[in-house]
PDB file of N, CA and C in Angstrom:
ATOM      1  N   UNK A   1     135.849  35.007 121.400  1.00  0.00           N
ATOM      2  CA  UNK A   1     135.878  34.332 119.836  1.00  0.00           C
ATOM      3  C   UNK A   1     134.308  34.550 120.045  1.00  0.00           C
ATOM      4  N   UNK A   2     133.484  34.637 121.280  1.00  0.00           N
ATOM      5  CA  UNK A   2     132.053  34.845 120.338  1.00  0.00           C
ATOM      6  C   UNK A   2     131.088  34.614 121.354  1.00  0.00           C
ATOM      7  N   UNK A   3     129.890  34.470 121.289  1.00  0.00           N
ATOM      8  CA  UNK A   3     128.524  34.306 122.506  1.00  0.00           C
ATOM      9  C   UNK A   3     127.837  33.212 121.410  1.00  0.00           C
ATOM     10  N   UNK A   4     127.305  32.046 121.974  1.00  0.00           N
ATOM     11  CA  UNK A   4     126.102  31.658 121.651  1.00  0.00           C
ATOM     12  C   UNK A   4     125.590  31.591 122.686  1.00  0.00           C
ATOM     13  N   UNK A   5     123.587  32.133 122.339  1.00  0.00           N
ATOM     14  CA  UNK A   5     123.278  32.087 123.288  1.00  0.00           C
ATOM     15  C   UNK A   5     121.647  31.071 122.657  1.00  0.00           C
ATOM     16  N   UNK A   6     120.981  30.022 123.394  1.00  0.00           N
ATOM     17  CA  UNK A   6     120.674  29.499 123.384  1.00  0.00           C
ATOM     18  C   UNK A   6     119.036  29.528 124.394  1.00  0.00           C
ATOM     19  N   UNK A   7     118.248  29.821 123.489  1.00  0.00           N
ATOM     20  CA  UNK A   7     117.000  30.350 124.276  1.00  0.00           C
ATOM     21  C   UNK A   7     115.677  29.303 124.772  1.00  0.00           C
ATOM     22  N   UNK A   8     115.749  29.434 125.252  1.00  0.00           N
ATOM     23  CA  UNK A   8     114.704  27.120 125.407  1.00  0.00           C
ATOM     24  C   UNK A   8     113.549  28.056 126.859  1.00  0.00           C
ATOM     25  N   UNK A   9     112.713  26.644 127.199  1.00  0.00           N
ATOM     26  CA  UNK A   9     112.289  27.584 128.019  1.00  0.00           C
ATOM     27  C   UNK A   9     111.835  25.490 128.771  1.00  0.00           C
ATOM     28  N   UNK A  10     111.165  25.567 129.547  1.00  0.00           N
ATOM     29  CA  UNK A  10     110.773  24.354 130.428  1.00  0.00           C
ATOM     30  C   UNK A  10     109.767  23.968 129.697  1.00  0.00           C
ATOM     31  N   UNK A  11     109.359  24.536 129.094  1.00  0.00           N
ATOM     32  CA  UNK A  11     107.014  24.052 128.260  1.00  0.00           C
ATOM     33  C   UNK A  11     107.606  23.503 126.845  1.00  0.00           C
ATOM     34  N   UNK A  12     109.288  23.666 126.680  1.00  0.00           N
ATOM     35  CA  UNK A  12     109.415  23.164 125.363  1.00  0.00           C
ATOM     36  C   UNK A  12     109.795  21.886 125.089  1.00  0.00           C
ATOM     37  N   UNK A  13     108.641  21.527 123.823  1.00  0.00           N
ATOM     38  CA  UNK A  13     110.102  20.086 124.441  1.00  0.00           C
ATOM     39  C   UNK A  13     110.827  19.650 123.218  1.00  0.00           C
ATOM     40  N   UNK A  14     111.432  20.426 122.418  1.00  0.00           N
ATOM     41  CA  UNK A  14     112.598  20.475 121.289  1.00  0.00           C
ATOM     42  C   UNK A  14     113.768  20.676 122.054  1.00  0.00           C
ATOM     43  N   UNK A  15     113.145  21.444 123.432  1.00  0.00           N
ATOM     44  CA  UNK A  15     114.418  22.201 124.010  1.00  0.00           C
ATOM     45  C   UNK A  15     115.627  21.205 124.564  1.00  0.00           C
ATOM     46  N   UNK A  16     115.056  19.940 125.380  1.00  0.00           N
ATOM     47  CA  UNK A  16     115.729  19.059 125.634  1.00  0.00           C
ATOM     48  C   UNK A  16     116.964  19.135 124.855  1.00  0.00           C
ATOM     49  N   UNK A  17     116.877  18.727 123.564  1.00  0.00           N
ATOM     50  CA  UNK A  17     117.958  18.951 122.524  1.00  0.00           C
ATOM     51  C   UNK A  17     118.379  19.643 122.434  1.00  0.00           C
ATOM     52  N   UNK A  18     118.154  20.899 122.216  1.00  0.00           N
ATOM     53  CA  UNK A  18     118.626  22.370 122.435  1.00  0.00           C
ATOM     54  C   UNK A  18     119.384  22.167 123.605  1.00  0.00           C
ATOM     55  N   UNK A  19     119.381  21.599 124.964  1.00  0.00           N
ATOM     56  CA  UNK A  19     119.994  22.006 125.745  1.00  0.00           C
ATOM     57  C   UNK A  19     121.522  21.246 125.238  1.00  0.00           C
ATOM     58  N   UNK A  20     121.292  20.346 125.094  1.00  0.00           N
ATOM     59  CA  UNK A  20     122.310  18.434 124.266  1.00  0.00           C
ATOM     60  C   UNK A  20     123.495  19.571 123.614  1.00  0.00           C
ATOM     61  N   UNK A  21     122.656  20.378 122.275  1.00  0.00           N
ATOM     62  CA  UNK A  21     123.771  20.574 121.507  1.00  0.00           C
ATOM     63  C   UNK A  21     123.786  21.505 121.664  1.00  0.00           C
ATOM     64  N   UNK A  22     124.065  22.235 122.927  1.00  0.00           N
ATOM     65  CA  UNK A  22     125.009  23.782 123.083  1.00  0.00           C
ATOM     66  C   UNK A  22     126.241  23.271 123.643  1.00  0.00           C
ATOM     67  N   UNK A  23     125.413  21.585 124.361  1.00  0.00           N
ATOM     68  CA  UNK A  23     127.149  21.097 125.081  1.00  0.00           C
ATOM     69  C   UNK A  23     127.870  21.541 124.449  1.00  0.00           C
ATOM     70  N   UNK A  24     126.911  20.276 123.187  1.00  0.00           N
ATOM     71  CA  UNK A  24     128.083  19.885 121.723  1.00  0.00           C
ATOM     72  C   UNK A  24     129.232  21.146 122.037  1.00  0.00           C
ATOM     73  N   UNK A  25     128.393  21.880 121.373  1.00  0.00           N
ATOM     74  CA  UNK A  25     129.297  23.251 121.413  1.00  0.00           C
ATOM     75  C   UNK A  25     130.245  23.556 121.837  1.00  0.00           C
ATOM     76  N   UNK A  26     129.665  23.480 122.907  1.00  0.00           N
ATOM     77  CA  UNK A  26     130.967  24.165 124.051  1.00  0.00           C
ATOM     78  C   UNK A  26     132.378  22.832 123.809  1.00  0.00           C
ATOM     79  N   UNK A  27     131.809  21.992 123.759  1.00  0.00           N
ATOM     80  CA  UNK A  27     132.796  20.859 123.647  1.00  0.00           C
ATOM     81  C   UNK A  27     133.495  21.182 123.013  1.00  0.00           C
ATOM     82  N   UNK A  28     133.172  21.381 120.951  1.00  0.00           N
ATOM     83  CA  UNK A  28     133.079  21.872 120.027  1.00  0.00           C
ATOM     84  C   UNK A  28     134.117  22.962 119.647  1.00  0.00           C
ATOM     85  N   UNK A  29     133.845  24.207 119.777  1.00  0.00           N
ATOM     86  CA  UNK A  29     133.629  25.169 120.131  1.00  0.00           C
ATOM     87  C   UNK A  29     133.991  25.694 121.706  1.00  0.00           C
ATOM     88  N   UNK A  30     135.808  25.057 121.809  1.00  0.00           N
ATOM     89  CA  UNK A  30     136.299  25.256 123.204  1.00  0.00           C
ATOM     90  C   UNK A  30     136.123  27.201 123.915  1.00  0.00           C
ATOM     91  N   UNK A  31     136.648  28.120 122.551  1.00  0.00           N
ATOM     92  CA  UNK A  31     136.755  29.318 122.556  1.00  0.00           C
ATOM     93  C   UNK A  31     135.235  30.083 122.735  1.00  0.00           C
ATOM     94  N   UNK A  32     134.029  29.210 121.965  1.00  0.00           N
ATOM     95  CA  UNK A  32     132.780  30.224 122.229  1.00  0.00           C
ATOM     96  C   UNK A  32     132.362  30.234 123.569  1.00  0.00           C
ATOM     97  N   UNK A  33     131.342  31.129 123.977  1.00  0.00           N
ATOM     98  CA  UNK A  33     130.870  30.799 125.119  1.00  0.00           C
ATOM     99  C   UNK A  33     129.537  30.743 124.840  1.00  0.00           C
ATOM    100  N   UNK A  34     129.230  29.952 125.064  1.00  0.00           N
ATOM    101  CA  UNK A  34     127.268  29.042 124.938  1.00  0.00           C
ATOM    102  C   UNK A  34     126.916  28.918 126.299  1.00  0.00           C
ATOM    103  N   UNK A  35     125.780  30.371 126.754  1.00  0.00           N
ATOM    104  CA  UNK A  35     124.527  30.595 127.597  1.00  0.00           C
ATOM    105  C   UNK A  35     123.495  29.740 126.552  1.00  0.00           C
ATOM    106  N   UNK A  36     122.768  28.610 127.869  1.00  0.00           N
ATOM    107  CA  UNK A  36     121.443  28.812 127.995  1.00  0.00           C
ATOM    108  C   UNK A  36     120.832  29.879 128.480  1.00  0.00           C
ATOM    109  N   UNK A  37     119.567  30.077 128.612  1.00  0.00           N
ATOM    110  CA  UNK A  37     119.058  30.727 128.650  1.00  0.00           C
ATOM    111  C   UNK A  37     117.425  30.552 128.757  1.00  0.00           C
ATOM    112  N   UNK A  38     117.406  29.935 130.192  1.00  0.00           N
ATOM    113  CA  UNK A  38     115.964  29.394 130.343  1.00  0.00           C
ATOM    114  C   UNK A  38     114.978  30.037 130.753  1.00  0.00           C
ATOM    115  N   UNK A  39     113.737  30.888 129.661  1.00  0.00           N
ATOM    116  CA  UNK A  39     112.989  31.612 130.309  1.00  0.00           C
ATOM    117  C   UNK A  39     111.872  31.383 130.788  1.00  0.00           C
ATOM    118  N   UNK A  40     112.223  30.659 131.522  1.00  0.00           N
ATOM    119  CA  UNK A  40     111.158  30.117 132.590  1.00  0.00           C
ATOM    120  C   UNK A  40     111.935  30.799 133.656  1.00  0.00           C
ATOM    121  N   UNK A  41     113.257  31.252 133.542  1.00  0.00           N
ATOM    122  CA  UNK A  41     113.282  30.612 135.004  1.00  0.00           C
ATOM    123  C   UNK A  41     113.340  33.611 135.603  1.00  0.00           C
ATOM    124  N   UNK A  42     112.846  32.871 136.742  1.00  0.00           N
ATOM    125  CA  UNK A  42     112.569  34.240 136.712  1.00  0.00           C
ATOM    126  C   UNK A  42     114.004  35.701 136.303  1.00  0.00           C
ATOM    127  N   UNK A  43     113.717  36.857 135.845  1.00  0.00           N
ATOM    128  CA  UNK A  43     114.856  37.116 135.404  1.00  0.00           C
ATOM    129  C   UNK A  43     114.810  37.143 134.468  1.00  0.00           C
ATOM    130  N   UNK A  44     114.865  36.109 133.293  1.00  0.00           N
ATOM    131  CA  UNK A  44     115.536  35.534 131.756  1.00  0.00           C
ATOM    132  C   UNK A  44     114.703  36.260 131.735  1.00  0.00           C
ATOM    133  N   UNK A  45     115.542  37.098 130.089  1.00  0.00           N
ATOM    134  CA  UNK A  45     114.671  37.544 129.571  1.00  0.00           C
ATOM    135  C   UNK A  45     115.200  37.389 127.423  1.00  0.00           C
ATOM    136  N   UNK A  46     114.146  37.453 126.960  1.00  0.00           N
ATOM    137  CA  UNK A  46     115.005  37.460 125.323  1.00  0.00           C
ATOM    138  C   UNK A  46     115.194  38.702 124.372  1.00  0.00           C
ATOM    139  N   UNK A  47     115.379  38.296 123.925  1.00  0.00           N
ATOM    140  CA  UNK A  47     115.788  40.115 123.124  1.00  0.00           C
ATOM    141  C   UNK A  47     114.463  39.774 121.772  1.00  0.00           C
ATOM    142  N   UNK A  48     114.129  41.252 121.566  1.00  0.00           N
ATOM    143  CA  UNK A  48     112.543  41.400 120.603  1.00  0.00           C
ATOM    144  C   UNK A  48     112.467  39.933 119.518  1.00  0.00           C
ATOM    145  N   UNK A  49     113.571  39.890 119.216  1.00  0.00           N
ATOM    146  CA  UNK A  49     114.085  38.763 117.582  1.00  0.00           C
ATOM    147  C   UNK A  49     113.182  37.332 118.252  1.00  0.00           C
ATOM    148  N   UNK A  50     113.434  37.260 119.480  1.00  0.00           N
ATOM    149  CA  UNK A  50     113.653  35.441 120.172  1.00  0.00           C
ATOM    150  C   UNK A  50     111.893  35.496 120.490  1.00  0.00           C
ATOM    151  N   UNK A  51     112.038  35.250 119.573  1.00  0.00           N
ATOM    152  CA  UNK A  51     109.983  34.814 119.902  1.00  0.00           C
ATOM    153  C   UNK A  51     109.342  33.122 119.524  1.00  0.00           C
ATOM    154  N   UNK A  52     110.314  31.980 119.389  1.00  0.00           N
ATOM    155  CA  UNK A  52     110.194  30.405 119.621  1.00  0.00           C
ATOM    156  C   UNK A  52     110.821  29.964 120.308  1.00  0.00           C
ATOM    157  N   UNK A  53     110.988  29.015 120.669  1.00  0.00           N
ATOM    158  CA  UNK A  53     112.162  28.221 121.379  1.00  0.00           C
ATOM    159  C   UNK A  53     111.574  26.937 120.869  1.00  0.00           C
ATOM    160  N   UNK A  54     113.519  26.490 120.634  1.00  0.00           N
ATOM    161  CA  UNK A  54     114.985  26.892 120.644  1.00  0.00           C
ATOM    162  C   UNK A  54     114.359  27.682 120.240  1.00  0.00           C
ATOM    163  N   UNK A  55     116.164  28.635 120.606  1.00  0.00           N
ATOM    164  CA  UNK A  55     116.746  29.819 119.090  1.00  0.00           C
ATOM    165  C   UNK A  55     118.203  30.001 119.791  1.00  0.00           C
ATOM    166  N   UNK A  56     118.674  29.564 118.604  1.00  0.00           N
ATOM    167  CA  UNK A  56     120.079  29.980 119.020  1.00  0.00           C
ATOM    168  C   UNK A  56     120.835  30.962 118.012  1.00  0.00           C
ATOM    169  N   UNK A  57     121.431  32.108 118.896  1.00  0.00           N
ATOM    170  CA  UNK A  57     121.863  33.238 118.934  1.00  0.00           C
ATOM    171  C   UNK A  57     123.311  33.617 118.553  1.00  0.00           C
ATOM    172  N   UNK A  58     124.452  34.049 118.071  1.00  0.00           N
ATOM    173  CA  UNK A  58     124.833  33.831 117.740  1.00  0.00           C
ATOM    174  C   UNK A  58     125.739  35.159 117.778  1.00  0.00           C
ATOM    175  N   UNK A  59     126.597  36.025 119.102  1.00  0.00           N
ATOM    176  CA  UNK A  59     127.089  36.931 119.238  1.00  0.00           C
ATOM    177  C   UNK A  59     125.505  38.278 118.199  1.00  0.00           C
ATOM    178  N   UNK A  60     124.431  38.074 118.891  1.00  0.00           N
ATOM    179  CA  UNK A  60     123.321  38.589 118.288  1.00  0.00           C
ATOM    180  C   UNK A  60     122.325  38.750 117.530  1.00  0.00           C
ATOM    181  N   UNK A  61     122.566  37.398 116.805  1.00  0.00           N
ATOM    182  CA  UNK A  61     122.194  37.320 114.858  1.00  0.00           C
ATOM    183  C   UNK A  61     121.965  35.676 115.359  1.00  0.00           C
ATOM    184  N   UNK A  62     120.690  35.833 114.382  1.00  0.00           N
ATOM    185  CA  UNK A  62     119.241  34.976 115.020  1.00  0.00           C
ATOM    186  C   UNK A  62     120.408  33.655 113.985  1.00  0.00           C
ATOM    187  N   UNK A  63     120.339  31.981 114.547  1.00  0.00           N
ATOM    188  CA  UNK A  63     121.402  31.391 113.535  1.00  0.00           C
ATOM    189  C   UNK A  63     119.905  30.076 113.808  1.00  0.00           C
ATOM    190  N   UNK A  64     119.221  30.272 114.161  1.00  0.00           N
ATOM    191  CA  UNK A  64     118.551  29.367 113.203  1.00  0.00           C
ATOM    192  C   UNK A  64     117.410  29.322 115.251  1.00  0.00           C
ATOM    193  N   UNK A  65     115.772  28.949 114.387  1.00  0.00           N
ATOM    194  CA  UNK A  65     114.789  28.755 115.133  1.00  0.00           C
ATOM    195  C   UNK A  65     114.191  27.652 114.878  1.00  0.00           C
ATOM    196  N   UNK A  66     114.432  26.996 115.915  1.00  0.00           N
ATOM    197  CA  UNK A  66     114.283  25.431 116.390  1.00  0.00           C
ATOM    198  C   UNK A  66     115.856  24.752 116.700  1.00  0.00           C
ATOM    199  N   UNK A  67     116.256  24.239 116.561  1.00  0.00           N
ATOM    200  CA  UNK A  67     117.255  22.574 116.838  1.00  0.00           C
ATOM    201  C   UNK A  67     117.657  22.514 115.335  1.00  0.00           C
ATOM    202  N   UNK A  68     118.678  23.052 115.049  1.00  0.00           N
ATOM    203  CA  UNK A  68     119.518  22.470 113.605  1.00  0.00           C
ATOM    204  C   UNK A  68     119.729  20.966 113.972  1.00  0.00           C
ATOM    205  N   UNK A  69     120.539  21.031 113.008  1.00  0.00           N
ATOM    206  CA  UNK A  69     121.263  19.995 112.805  1.00  0.00           C
ATOM    207  C   UNK A  69     121.920  19.632 113.018  1.00  0.00           C
ATOM    208  N   UNK A  70     123.241  19.237 114.491  1.00  0.00           N
ATOM    209  CA  UNK A  70     124.710  19.436 114.560  1.00  0.00           C
ATOM    210  C   UNK A  70     125.337  19.707 113.757  1.00  0.00           C
ATOM    211  N   UNK A  71     125.833  19.575 112.666  1.00  0.00           N
ATOM    212  CA  UNK A  71     126.826  18.958 111.664  1.00  0.00           C
ATOM    213  C   UNK A  71     126.112  20.511 111.078  1.00  0.00           C
ATOM    214  N   UNK A  72     124.955  20.914 110.847  1.00  0.00           N
ATOM    215  CA  UNK A  72     124.291  22.261 109.926  1.00  0.00           C
ATOM    216  C   UNK A  72     125.602  23.376 111.135  1.00  0.00           C
ATOM    217  N   UNK A  73     124.744  23.120 112.291  1.00  0.00           N
ATOM    218  CA  UNK A  73     124.973  24.423 113.218  1.00  0.00           C
ATOM    219  C   UNK A  73     126.304  23.921 112.804  1.00  0.00           C
ATOM    220  N   UNK A  74     127.630  23.463 113.276  1.00  0.00           N
ATOM    221  CA  UNK A  74     129.558  23.354 113.285  1.00  0.00           C
ATOM    222  C   UNK A  74     129.194  23.459 111.472  1.00  0.00           C
ATOM    223  N   UNK A  75     129.320  23.176 111.056  1.00  0.00           N
ATOM    224  CA  UNK A  75     129.613  24.445 110.024  1.00  0.00           C
ATOM    225  C   UNK A  75     128.892  26.168 110.089  1.00  0.00           C
ATOM    226  N   UNK A  76     127.772  26.058 109.534  1.00  0.00           N
ATOM    227  CA  UNK A  76     127.426  28.190 110.281  1.00  0.00           C
ATOM    228  C   UNK A  76     128.053  28.127 111.039  1.00  0.00           C
ATOM    229  N   UNK A  77     128.594  27.921 112.846  1.00  0.00           N
ATOM    230  CA  UNK A  77     129.196  28.258 113.360  1.00  0.00           C
ATOM    231  C   UNK A  77     131.018  28.668 112.567  1.00  0.00           C
ATOM    232  N   UNK A  78     131.609  27.895 112.582  1.00  0.00           N
ATOM    233  CA  UNK A  78     132.411  27.938 111.406  1.00  0.00           C
ATOM    234  C   UNK A  78     133.010  28.355 110.366  1.00  0.00           C
ATOM    235  N   UNK A  79     131.549  28.857 109.837  1.00  0.00           N
ATOM    236  CA  UNK A  79     132.151  30.018 108.561  1.00  0.00           C
ATOM    237  C   UNK A  79     131.787  31.193 109.405  1.00  0.00           C
ATOM    238  N   UNK A  80     130.877  31.431 110.560  1.00  0.00           N
ATOM    239  CA  UNK A  80     130.218  32.843 110.808  1.00  0.00           C
ATOM    240  C   UNK A  80     132.379  33.286 111.823  1.00  0.00           C
ATOM    241  N   UNK A  81     132.990  31.933 112.474  1.00  0.00           N
ATOM    242  CA  UNK A  81     133.216  32.697 112.920  1.00  0.00           C
ATOM    243  C   UNK A  81     135.036  32.656 112.622  1.00  0.00           C
ATOM    244  N   UNK A  82     135.069  31.650 111.228  1.00  0.00           N
ATOM    245  CA  UNK A  82     136.506  31.490 110.887  1.00  0.00           C
ATOM    246  C   UNK A  82     137.152  30.874 111.894  1.00  0.00           C
ATOM    247  N   UNK A  83     136.343  29.428 112.125  1.00  0.00           N
ATOM    248  CA  UNK A  83     137.302  28.916 112.373  1.00  0.00           C
ATOM    249  C   UNK A  83     137.006  27.132 112.415  1.00  0.00           C
ATOM    250  N   UNK A  84     137.982  26.069 112.894  1.00  0.00           N
ATOM    251  CA  UNK A  84     137.414  24.987 112.944  1.00  0.00           C
ATOM    252  C   UNK A  84     136.630  23.846 113.951  1.00  0.00           C
ATOM    253  N   UNK A  85     136.500  22.871 113.660  1.00  0.00           N
ATOM    254  CA  UNK A  85     135.431  22.806 114.895  1.00  0.00           C
ATOM    255  C   UNK A  85     136.379  21.854 115.975  1.00  0.00           C
ATOM    256  N   UNK A  86     136.979  21.395 116.801  1.00  0.00           N
ATOM    257  CA  UNK A  86     137.159  20.605 117.925  1.00  0.00           C
ATOM    258  C   UNK A  86     136.484  19.093 117.415  1.00  0.00           C
ATOM    259  N   UNK A  87     137.722  18.212 116.318  1.00  0.00           N
ATOM    260  CA  UNK A  87     136.250  17.212 116.142  1.00  0.00           C
ATOM    261  C   UNK A  87     136.133  15.871 117.484  1.00  0.00           C
ATOM    262  N   UNK A  88     135.085  15.320 117.414  1.00  0.00           N
ATOM    263  CA  UNK A  88     134.812  14.730 118.585  1.00  0.00           C
ATOM    264  C   UNK A  88     135.426  13.549 118.519  1.00  0.00           C
ATOM    265  N   UNK A  89     135.501  13.411 120.611  1.00  0.00           N
ATOM    266  CA  UNK A  89     136.647  12.286 120.962  1.00  0.00           C
ATOM    267  C   UNK A  89     135.566  11.351 120.334  1.00  0.00           C
ATOM    268  N   UNK A  90     136.666   9.950 120.199  1.00  0.00           N
ATOM    269  CA  UNK A  90     135.737   8.450 120.211  1.00  0.00           C
ATOM    270  C   UNK A  90     136.492   7.833 121.889  1.00  0.00           C
TER     271      UNK A  90
END
């Protein structure tokens, strides 16, 4: 289906929320591969286009600089992937 990479860093205060959103995306889009890339980890690298944390990259294209509102990201992913997200379990 695709790969969503979420670039974060330990020093980033907004990155905790981005990590949580990455988990929510994985639950809503089970066919989407979600990778959280912590640039504070040894050997972790980001593409040249990633210059701020957090950054959400879908199949090599930036979809958000910063942590987007969850519903906005879900709509963007649905449109880009041509799928409908699983609804939240209650």
